[in-house]
Amino acid sequence: MKSILWTRHALRELSRREVSREEAEQALAAPDRIVPGNSPRVIYQRRYRDALLGEEMLLRLVVEETEMELVVVTLHKTSKIRKFD
């Protein structure tokens, strides 16, 4: 897997949205789906069980991919899984 570079904004969002870095890295390593974003960005999506909320959530990471690395620009989690299927 390519190396991961986290923007300051993405790191703040991890904390603010109470998503573990390990969960986010798993979404990058084994996404359920990768969808186009605003070029040149793509969105890595992965369903997971949120331990704090006790429910299934969808984690979406907005990424700019280079030859050498994945740059995580921002992320969010949502319970509206069907909206993004």
Protein backbone atom coordinates (compact mmCIF):
# COMPACT_ATOMS: atom_id res chain seq x y z
CA MET A 1 0.00 0.00 0.00
CA LYS A 2 1.13 3.56 -0.65
CA SER A 3 2.19 5.74 2.24
CA ILE A 4 -0.51 7.91 3.81
CA LEU A 5 -0.18 11.65 4.30
CA TRP A 6 -2.76 13.28 6.57
CA THR A 7 -3.59 16.95 6.16
CA ARG A 8 -4.03 18.95 9.36
CA HIS A 9 -7.70 19.29 8.51
CA ALA A 10 -8.13 15.51 8.15
CA LEU A 11 -6.42 14.92 11.51
CA ARG A 12 -8.74 17.45 13.17
CA GLU A 13 -11.73 15.71 11.60
CA LEU A 14 -10.59 12.33 12.96
CA SER A 15 -10.71 13.78 16.45
CA ARG A 16 -13.84 15.89 15.99
CA ARG A 17 -15.84 13.04 14.48
CA GLU A 18 -14.45 10.50 16.97
CA VAL A 19 -13.02 8.17 14.32
CA SER A 20 -9.92 6.18 15.20
CA ARG A 21 -6.93 6.52 12.92
CA GLU A 22 -6.79 2.72 12.71
CA GLU A 23 -10.38 2.60 11.42
CA ALA A 24 -9.59 5.25 8.81
CA GLU A 25 -6.44 3.45 7.71
CA GLN A 26 -8.40 0.23 7.35
CA ALA A 27 -10.85 2.07 5.08
CA LEU A 28 -7.89 3.12 2.93
CA ALA A 29 -6.35 -0.35 2.88
CA ALA A 30 -9.57 -2.26 2.20
CA PRO A 31 -12.37 0.06 1.06
CA ASP A 32 -15.81 -1.31 0.26
CA ARG A 33 -15.96 1.12 -2.61
CA ILE A 34 -13.98 3.92 -4.25
CA VAL A 35 -16.06 6.58 -6.00
CA PRO A 36 -15.04 9.64 -8.01
CA GLY A 37 -14.97 12.95 -6.21
CA ASN A 38 -14.17 16.40 -7.55
CA SER A 39 -11.19 15.71 -9.81
CA PRO A 40 -8.46 14.79 -8.93
CA ARG A 41 -10.00 13.51 -5.70
CA VAL A 42 -11.59 10.14 -5.02
CA ILE A 43 -13.65 8.99 -2.06
CA TYR A 44 -12.80 5.80 -0.20
CA GLN A 45 -15.85 4.35 1.56
CA ARG A 46 -16.10 1.62 4.16
CA ARG A 47 -18.88 0.46 6.47
CA TYR A 48 -17.94 -0.16 10.06
CA ARG A 49 -19.48 -0.64 13.47
CA ASP A 50 -19.04 2.52 15.51
CA ALA A 51 -18.26 1.48 19.08
CA LEU A 52 -19.35 4.81 20.61
CA LEU A 53 -22.69 4.99 18.79
CA GLY A 54 -23.30 1.24 18.71
CA GLU A 55 -24.47 1.29 15.11
CA GLU A 56 -23.25 0.67 11.60
CA MET A 57 -21.77 3.77 9.98
CA LEU A 58 -20.21 4.66 6.65
CA LEU A 59 -16.78 6.25 6.75
CA ARG A 60 -15.91 8.42 3.71
CA LEU A 61 -12.37 9.67 3.16
CA VAL A 62 -11.64 12.26 0.48
CA VAL A 63 -8.24 11.41 -0.99
CA GLU A 64 -5.84 12.80 -3.56
CA GLU A 65 -3.73 9.94 -4.88
CA THR A 66 -0.22 10.44 -6.24
CA GLU A 67 2.24 7.87 -7.53
CA MET A 68 3.85 7.66 -4.10
CA GLU A 69 1.15 8.38 -1.54
CA LEU A 70 -2.47 8.81 -0.55
CA VAL A 71 -3.18 12.32 0.73
CA VAL A 72 -6.22 12.33 3.02
CA VAL A 73 -7.85 15.74 2.60
CA THR A 74 -10.89 15.27 4.84
CA LEU A 75 -13.29 12.62 6.10
CA HIS A 76 -16.70 12.17 7.58
CA LYS A 77 -18.90 9.43 8.93
CA THR A 78 -22.60 9.03 8.36
CA SER A 79 -25.43 6.72 9.29
CA LYS A 80 -27.10 7.49 5.92
CA ILE A 81 -25.46 4.55 4.21
CA ARG A 82 -28.08 4.16 1.48
CA LYS A 83 -27.57 7.76 0.37
CA PHE A 84 -24.03 6.90 -0.76
CA ASP A 85 -24.62 3.39 -2.20
